[in-house]
Amino acid sequence: MAELIIHSKRIKENIKALSEFFEEKDIEWSLVTKVFSGDKTFLKKILTKDVIEKINSVGDSRLTSLKNLREVNPNLRTIYIKPPANIYVDEVVEYADISLNSSLSTIKKLNASAKKKGKVHQIIIMIELGELREGVQRDNIISFYEQVFNLSNIEVIGLGSNLGCMYGVEPTYDKLLQLSLYKELISIKFNKELKYISGGSSITLPLLDNKILPKGINHFRIGEAAFFGVSPLENKTFKNLHTNTFEFNANIIELKEKKLVPDGIINDANIGHTVEYNEKDITETSYKAILDFGLLDVDKSDIISTDTDLSFVGVTSDMMVIDVGNNKNLEGKTKYKVGDKINFKLSYMGVARLLNSKFIDKIYM
């Protein structure tokens, strides 16, 4: 079975380094663990006491993941990082201390659920700053806040926004300054101080590091930098964080010399993906290796072979085919054989999909 290698120690060192970085900047942060989809083994191995002691909260976008967080560590402070669906407000109140919200009707239902449970549920109101994802329209934020801040079992602890995730709108100084200004407007009009302006994410880290982040931004929600060591704005390593935190090994289950061009009538009934071929190469051959994973496990665009001499041929639901050329190394000896492993580097989505596949072994180092 193909295997995902998870370098736990490197990930833990990344999280600790980020905690120290934020502490120096007097900023609180939430660790977003959604890439792991609530995997209990991960939660136990990574979220140890020494790792989470300086983290404000641990967040996820799946309720089952938050439930698993609570089962592993009942005292963990949790944050639900997307607006809840109305039908799940009871679960949100049960498993999340904080949730991000943009719907008035949902917040009222959260209030009713929290009142029934004898709890006060904290919320961060999300504001739409151009990414066209979740968020209250900027013109409506004052009236929106006015309708929720007096709810008996809801505590509004901050304002937030999400940039860079869908359209890739950059979190510029001017964009994030708007969050600070809305906080000031609310403070003046309602004589009520909001604790957090949650405008930071992995993509915003360079602004903070280069001291061009508006002073009011005091809460970050971080996933990618903690687990992959990069800021996705330029996909560069942030500080000295580890980037070699995950790797993927697949087994060669067949290796034979075959034609470059398929033989037969080609129709549209195939379920796989293939590269284009040149009919001029009809007599040419090369060595093809079949690997033990497929589209059900991960998308080919989310993996890159560490052997740059290999090329993609095709993939089906449960197998991938690669071209290994003449299968000879520089010394002229056989390079690969059946049973050998092919190593891949992974994108964020590659890791997320492999972690969700029940057909892939997960090995913690």
Protein backbone atom coordinates (compact mmCIF):
# COMPACT_ATOMS: atom_id res chain seq x y z
CA MET A 1 0.00 0.00 0.00
CA ALA A 2 1.24 3.50 -0.81
CA GLU A 3 2.21 5.52 2.27
CA LEU A 4 2.08 9.09 3.47
CA ILE A 5 5.05 9.93 5.70
CA ILE A 6 4.32 12.57 8.36
CA HIS A 7 7.35 14.12 10.04
CA SER A 8 5.79 14.91 13.41
CA LYS A 9 8.87 16.40 15.05
CA ARG A 10 9.36 18.95 12.25
CA ILE A 11 5.69 19.97 12.39
CA LYS A 12 5.86 20.42 16.17
CA GLU A 13 8.98 22.54 15.81
CA ASN A 14 7.17 24.71 13.24
CA ILE A 15 4.24 25.28 15.60
CA LYS A 16 6.51 26.19 18.49
CA ALA A 17 8.50 28.57 16.29
CA LEU A 18 5.30 30.31 15.19
CA SER A 19 4.16 30.63 18.80
CA GLU A 20 7.43 32.36 19.68
CA PHE A 21 7.16 34.61 16.61
CA PHE A 22 3.61 35.70 17.49
CA GLU A 23 4.47 36.17 21.15
CA GLU A 24 7.23 38.59 20.16
CA LYS A 25 4.69 40.53 18.07
CA ASP A 26 2.07 40.48 20.87
CA ILE A 27 -0.38 38.62 18.64
CA GLU A 28 -2.60 35.65 19.48
CA TRP A 29 -3.18 32.85 17.01
CA SER A 30 -5.31 29.84 16.25
CA LEU A 31 -3.84 26.69 14.75
CA VAL A 32 -6.03 25.48 11.87
CA THR A 33 -5.82 21.69 11.61
CA LYS A 34 -8.32 21.06 8.81
CA VAL A 35 -5.66 19.46 6.58
CA PHE A 36 -5.73 16.50 9.02
CA SER A 37 -9.54 16.13 8.99
CA GLY A 38 -9.71 15.36 12.69
CA ASP A 39 -7.39 12.36 12.53
CA LYS A 40 -7.06 11.29 16.17
CA THR A 41 -3.59 9.85 15.75
CA PHE A 42 -2.40 13.22 14.47
CA LEU A 43 -4.13 15.09 17.28
CA LYS A 44 -2.46 12.91 19.89
CA LYS A 45 0.99 12.97 18.32
CA ILE A 46 1.15 16.64 17.32
CA LEU A 47 -1.02 18.57 19.79
CA THR A 48 0.96 17.72 22.90
CA LYS A 49 0.93 20.02 25.93
CA ASP A 50 4.23 21.68 25.08
CA VAL A 51 2.98 22.46 21.56
CA ILE A 52 -0.42 24.00 22.36
CA GLU A 53 0.44 25.91 25.53
CA LYS A 54 0.91 29.23 23.68
CA ILE A 55 -1.88 28.79 21.14
CA ASN A 56 -5.14 30.69 21.64
CA SER A 57 -7.27 27.95 20.09
CA VAL A 58 -7.29 25.08 17.61
CA GLY A 59 -9.62 25.41 14.66
CA ASP A 60 -11.27 23.32 12.00
CA SER A 61 -14.01 23.63 9.39
CA ARG A 62 -15.56 20.21 10.12
CA LEU A 63 -17.67 19.49 13.17
CA THR A 64 -16.54 15.87 13.32
CA SER A 65 -12.96 17.16 13.54
CA LEU A 66 -13.84 19.48 16.42
CA LYS A 67 -15.59 16.59 18.15
CA ASN A 68 -12.43 14.51 17.82
CA LEU A 69 -10.38 17.42 19.17
CA ARG A 70 -12.56 17.51 22.25
CA GLU A 71 -12.38 13.75 22.70
CA VAL A 72 -8.58 13.84 22.61
CA ASN A 73 -8.31 16.96 24.78
CA PRO A 74 -11.56 18.05 26.54
CA ASN A 75 -9.93 21.26 27.78
CA LEU A 76 -8.77 22.43 24.37
CA ARG A 77 -10.14 25.81 23.28
CA THR A 78 -11.68 25.34 19.83
CA ILE A 79 -12.76 27.59 16.96
CA TYR A 80 -15.09 26.69 14.08
CA ILE A 81 -13.57 28.51 11.13
CA LYS A 82 -16.49 28.85 8.75
CA PRO A 83 -20.07 30.12 9.13
CA PRO A 84 -22.18 27.29 10.58
CA ALA A 85 -25.19 25.77 8.86
CA ASN A 86 -28.39 26.44 10.77
CA ILE A 87 -29.14 22.77 11.30
CA TYR A 88 -25.83 22.24 13.15
CA VAL A 89 -25.94 25.11 15.64
CA ASP A 90 -26.32 22.72 18.60
CA GLU A 91 -23.17 20.84 17.59
CA VAL A 92 -21.29 24.10 17.02
CA VAL A 93 -22.14 25.32 20.51
CA GLU A 94 -21.25 21.93 21.94
CA TYR A 95 -17.85 21.50 20.30
CA ALA A 96 -16.65 25.05 19.49
CA ASP A 97 -15.91 27.82 21.96
CA ILE A 98 -15.75 30.32 19.08
CA SER A 99 -17.21 30.39 15.59
CA LEU A 100 -16.84 32.70 12.58
CA ASN A 101 -20.20 34.11 11.46
CA SER A 102 -21.80 36.24 8.77
CA SER A 103 -25.51 35.33 8.97
CA LEU A 104 -27.85 37.08 11.41
CA SER A 105 -30.37 34.22 11.47
CA THR A 106 -27.64 31.70 12.28
CA ILE A 107 -26.27 33.82 15.13
CA LYS A 108 -29.76 34.05 16.63
CA LYS A 109 -30.04 30.26 16.47
CA LEU A 110 -26.60 29.92 18.08
CA ASN A 111 -27.83 32.22 20.83
CA ALA A 112 -30.93 30.08 21.42
CA SER A 113 -28.85 26.91 21.50
CA ALA A 114 -26.27 28.43 23.87
CA LYS A 115 -29.06 29.64 26.16
CA LYS A 116 -30.56 26.15 26.22
CA LYS A 117 -27.17 24.68 27.13
CA GLY A 118 -26.39 27.36 29.69
CA LYS A 119 -23.36 28.57 27.75
CA VAL A 120 -22.07 31.81 26.26
CA HIS A 121 -20.89 31.23 22.71
CA GLN A 122 -18.24 33.57 21.34
CA ILE A 123 -18.31 34.75 17.74
CA ILE A 124 -16.12 36.67 15.33
CA ILE A 125 -18.12 38.59 12.74
CA MET A 126 -16.62 38.13 9.28
CA ILE A 127 -16.52 41.11 6.91
CA GLU A 128 -16.39 40.81 3.12
CA LEU A 129 -13.29 42.61 1.85
CA GLY A 130 -13.33 41.59 -1.81
CA GLU A 131 -12.61 37.85 -1.82
CA LEU A 132 -16.36 37.18 -2.36
CA ARG A 133 -16.36 34.45 0.21
CA GLU A 134 -18.06 34.66 3.61
CA GLY A 135 -18.61 38.06 5.18
CA VAL A 136 -21.08 40.80 6.02
CA GLN A 137 -21.13 43.57 3.43
CA ARG A 138 -19.09 46.52 4.64
CA ASP A 139 -22.01 48.97 4.38
CA ASN A 140 -24.06 46.79 6.73
CA ILE A 141 -21.55 46.05 9.48
CA ILE A 142 -22.78 48.67 12.00
CA SER A 143 -26.45 47.65 11.73
CA PHE A 144 -25.45 43.97 11.75
CA TYR A 145 -23.40 44.38 14.92
CA GLU A 146 -26.22 46.35 16.55
CA GLN A 147 -28.55 43.39 16.12
CA VAL A 148 -26.25 40.80 17.65
CA PHE A 149 -24.21 42.43 20.41
CA ASN A 150 -27.09 42.42 22.91
CA LEU A 151 -28.02 38.75 22.44
CA SER A 152 -28.01 37.15 25.88
CA ASN A 153 -25.77 34.15 25.17
CA ILE A 154 -23.60 35.47 22.37
CA GLU A 155 -20.38 37.38 22.98
CA VAL A 156 -18.95 39.17 19.96
CA ILE A 157 -15.19 39.03 20.55
CA GLY A 158 -13.98 40.38 17.24
CA LEU A 159 -14.15 41.14 13.56
CA GLY A 160 -12.44 39.09 10.88
CA SER A 161 -11.97 38.57 7.20
CA ASN A 162 -10.78 35.93 4.77
CA LEU A 163 -8.46 36.90 1.92
CA GLY A 164 -6.41 34.91 -0.55
CA CYS A 165 -8.35 31.63 -0.34
CA MET A 166 -10.75 31.61 -3.28
CA TYR A 167 -9.90 34.33 -5.82
CA GLY A 168 -6.50 35.01 -4.30
CA VAL A 169 -7.19 38.64 -3.34
CA GLU A 170 -4.03 39.79 -1.59
CA PRO A 171 -4.23 40.89 2.05
CA THR A 172 -2.73 44.34 1.51
CA TYR A 173 -2.20 47.00 4.17
CA ASP A 174 -5.19 48.99 2.84
CA LYS A 175 -7.48 45.97 2.86
CA LEU A 176 -6.63 45.02 6.43
CA LEU A 177 -6.71 48.61 7.62
CA GLN A 178 -10.43 48.54 6.87
CA LEU A 179 -10.90 45.93 9.59
CA SER A 180 -9.17 48.19 12.11
CA LEU A 181 -11.35 51.12 11.07
CA TYR A 182 -14.55 49.12 11.49
CA LYS A 183 -13.44 48.11 14.97
CA GLU A 184 -12.92 51.77 15.84
CA LEU A 185 -16.32 52.71 14.44
CA ILE A 186 -18.00 50.06 16.58
CA SER A 187 -16.06 51.13 19.67
CA ILE A 188 -17.11 54.76 19.21
CA LYS A 189 -20.75 54.13 18.35
CA PHE A 190 -21.50 51.43 20.92
CA ASN A 191 -18.87 52.19 23.56
CA LYS A 192 -17.84 48.55 23.40
CA GLU A 193 -14.34 47.24 22.81
CA LEU A 194 -13.80 44.20 20.59
CA LYS A 195 -10.88 42.02 21.67
CA TYR A 196 -9.75 40.63 18.31
CA ILE A 197 -9.28 41.72 14.74
CA SER A 198 -8.77 38.37 13.05
CA GLY A 199 -7.28 39.35 9.72
CA GLY A 200 -4.19 37.22 9.62
CA SER A 201 -3.49 33.91 7.93
CA SER A 202 -0.44 32.17 6.47
CA ILE A 203 -0.66 34.45 3.45
CA THR A 204 -0.43 37.52 5.72
CA LEU A 205 2.72 36.49 7.59
CA PRO A 206 5.14 38.42 5.34
CA LEU A 207 3.24 41.67 6.06
CA LEU A 208 3.66 41.09 9.77
CA ASP A 209 7.32 40.15 9.42
CA ASN A 210 8.03 43.23 7.29
CA LYS A 211 6.19 45.49 9.76
CA ILE A 212 3.60 46.65 7.22
CA LEU A 213 0.56 45.11 8.92
CA PRO A 214 -1.96 47.55 10.45
CA LYS A 215 -1.41 47.68 14.21
CA GLY A 216 -4.94 46.66 15.03
CA ILE A 217 -4.61 43.17 13.51
CA ASN A 218 -4.01 41.01 16.60
CA HIS A 219 -5.26 37.53 15.72
CA PHE A 220 -4.04 35.07 13.08
CA ARG A 221 -5.55 31.80 11.86
CA ILE A 222 -2.65 29.65 10.64
CA GLY A 223 -2.60 26.26 8.94
CA GLU A 224 -0.31 26.11 5.92
CA ALA A 225 2.71 27.81 7.51
CA ALA A 226 2.54 25.53 10.55
CA PHE A 227 2.33 22.29 8.57
CA PHE A 228 4.23 23.17 5.39
CA GLY A 229 6.53 25.98 6.50
CA VAL A 230 5.49 28.40 3.74
CA SER A 231 3.48 31.54 3.18
CA PRO A 232 1.28 30.94 0.11
CA LEU A 233 1.46 34.57 -1.05
CA GLU A 234 4.71 33.78 -2.85
CA ASN A 235 4.93 30.13 -1.79
CA LYS A 236 8.22 30.84 -0.07
CA THR A 237 9.60 29.37 3.14
CA PHE A 238 8.66 31.54 6.09
CA LYS A 239 11.51 32.25 8.46
CA ASN A 240 13.39 29.00 9.06
CA LEU A 241 10.35 26.73 9.23
CA HIS A 242 10.57 23.14 8.02
CA THR A 243 9.11 22.56 4.56
CA ASN A 244 9.99 18.86 4.31
CA THR A 245 7.18 17.82 6.64
CA PHE A 246 5.36 15.33 4.38
CA GLU A 247 6.37 12.87 1.70
CA PHE A 248 4.53 10.24 -0.29
CA ASN A 249 5.89 6.85 -1.33
CA ALA A 250 4.14 4.67 -3.89
CA ASN A 251 5.02 1.10 -4.80
CA ILE A 252 5.82 -0.09 -8.32
CA ILE A 253 3.44 -3.00 -8.95
CA GLU A 254 4.33 -3.51 -12.63
CA LEU A 255 7.27 -2.38 -14.77
CA LYS A 256 7.45 -3.29 -18.47
CA GLU A 257 8.55 -1.90 -21.81
CA LYS A 258 5.46 -0.75 -23.72
CA LYS A 259 4.47 1.37 -26.69
CA LEU A 260 4.12 5.13 -26.36
CA VAL A 261 0.86 5.19 -28.34
CA PRO A 262 -2.23 3.18 -27.28
CA ASP A 263 -3.49 0.53 -29.69
CA GLY A 264 -7.20 0.48 -30.57
CA ILE A 265 -10.25 2.71 -30.96
CA ILE A 266 -10.22 5.50 -28.36
CA ASN A 267 -13.61 6.64 -26.99
CA ASP A 268 -14.79 8.96 -24.22
CA ALA A 269 -15.78 6.20 -21.79
CA ASN A 270 -12.49 6.18 -19.92
CA ILE A 271 -12.48 7.34 -16.31
CA GLY A 272 -8.79 8.19 -16.17
CA HIS A 273 -6.59 11.11 -17.11
CA THR A 274 -3.78 10.80 -19.65
CA VAL A 275 -1.18 12.96 -21.34
CA GLU A 276 -1.48 13.69 -25.05
CA TYR A 277 0.50 11.45 -27.35
CA ASN A 278 1.96 11.90 -30.81
CA GLU A 279 0.80 9.49 -33.51
CA LYS A 280 4.28 9.78 -35.07
CA ASP A 281 5.62 7.80 -32.10
CA ILE A 282 3.49 4.74 -32.94
CA THR A 283 6.50 2.45 -33.15
CA GLU A 284 8.37 3.94 -30.17
CA THR A 285 8.56 2.24 -26.77
CA SER A 286 9.66 3.07 -23.24
CA TYR A 287 9.43 1.54 -19.79
CA LYS A 288 6.16 2.13 -17.95
CA ALA A 289 5.77 1.69 -14.21
CA ILE A 290 2.37 1.22 -12.58
CA LEU A 291 1.99 2.61 -9.04
CA ASP A 292 -0.45 1.57 -6.34
CA PHE A 293 -2.60 4.70 -5.97
CA GLY A 294 -5.04 6.62 -8.12
CA LEU A 295 -7.58 9.40 -8.49
CA LEU A 296 -9.53 8.21 -5.46
CA ASP A 297 -6.49 8.98 -3.33
CA VAL A 298 -5.00 12.18 -4.73
CA ASP A 299 -5.06 14.40 -7.82
CA LYS A 300 -1.99 14.13 -10.04
CA SER A 301 -1.60 17.93 -9.98
CA ASP A 302 -0.93 17.82 -6.22
CA ILE A 303 2.12 15.55 -6.37
CA ILE A 304 5.60 15.99 -7.89
CA SER A 305 8.09 13.16 -8.25
CA THR A 306 11.45 13.82 -6.63
CA ASP A 307 12.99 12.00 -9.62
CA THR A 308 12.79 14.65 -12.33
CA ASP A 309 13.48 12.08 -15.06
CA LEU A 310 10.07 10.48 -14.58
CA SER A 311 7.00 11.68 -16.48
CA PHE A 312 3.27 11.20 -16.08
CA VAL A 313 1.47 8.85 -18.50
CA GLY A 314 -1.99 8.31 -17.05
CA VAL A 315 -4.06 7.64 -13.97
CA THR A 316 -7.25 5.73 -13.17
CA SER A 317 -9.25 5.41 -9.98
CA ASP A 318 -6.70 3.21 -8.23
CA MET A 319 -3.50 3.15 -10.33
CA MET A 320 -1.05 5.65 -11.79
CA VAL A 321 1.25 4.99 -14.76
CA ILE A 322 4.56 6.81 -15.14
CA ASP A 323 7.22 6.71 -17.84
CA VAL A 324 10.72 5.80 -16.60
CA GLY A 325 12.36 6.12 -20.03
CA ASN A 326 14.93 3.42 -20.71
CA ASN A 327 15.01 2.57 -16.99
CA LYS A 328 18.79 2.96 -16.81
CA ASN A 329 20.86 5.09 -14.43
CA LEU A 330 24.00 7.04 -15.38
CA GLU A 331 26.10 3.88 -15.01
CA GLY A 332 23.85 2.00 -17.41
CA LYS A 333 22.38 -0.22 -14.68
CA THR A 334 18.69 -0.94 -14.17
CA LYS A 335 17.16 1.97 -12.29
CA TYR A 336 13.84 0.61 -11.02
CA LYS A 337 12.25 -2.80 -10.51
CA VAL A 338 8.91 -4.11 -9.28
CA GLY A 339 8.68 -3.54 -5.53
CA ASP A 340 10.70 -0.33 -5.53
CA LYS A 341 9.15 2.90 -4.27
CA ILE A 342 8.69 6.20 -6.08
CA ASN A 343 8.93 9.27 -3.86
CA PHE A 344 6.75 12.38 -4.28
CA LYS A 345 6.56 15.86 -2.82
CA LEU A 346 3.08 17.14 -2.00
CA SER A 347 1.00 20.28 -2.10
CA TYR A 348 -1.37 21.27 0.70
CA MET A 349 -4.33 19.70 -1.11
CA GLY A 350 -2.27 16.59 -1.86
CA VAL A 351 -1.70 16.01 1.85
CA ALA A 352 -5.33 16.74 2.68
CA ARG A 353 -6.61 14.23 0.13
CA LEU A 354 -4.15 11.50 1.07
CA LEU A 355 -5.03 11.90 4.74
CA ASN A 356 -8.67 11.39 3.81
CA SER A 357 -7.99 8.26 1.78
CA LYS A 358 -8.53 5.01 3.67
CA PHE A 359 -6.39 3.23 1.08
CA ILE A 360 -3.19 5.04 2.04
CA ASP A 361 -1.01 4.11 5.02
CA LYS A 362 -0.16 7.00 7.35
CA ILE A 363 3.24 6.72 8.97
CA TYR A 364 4.31 9.14 11.70
CA MET A 365 8.03 9.72 12.05
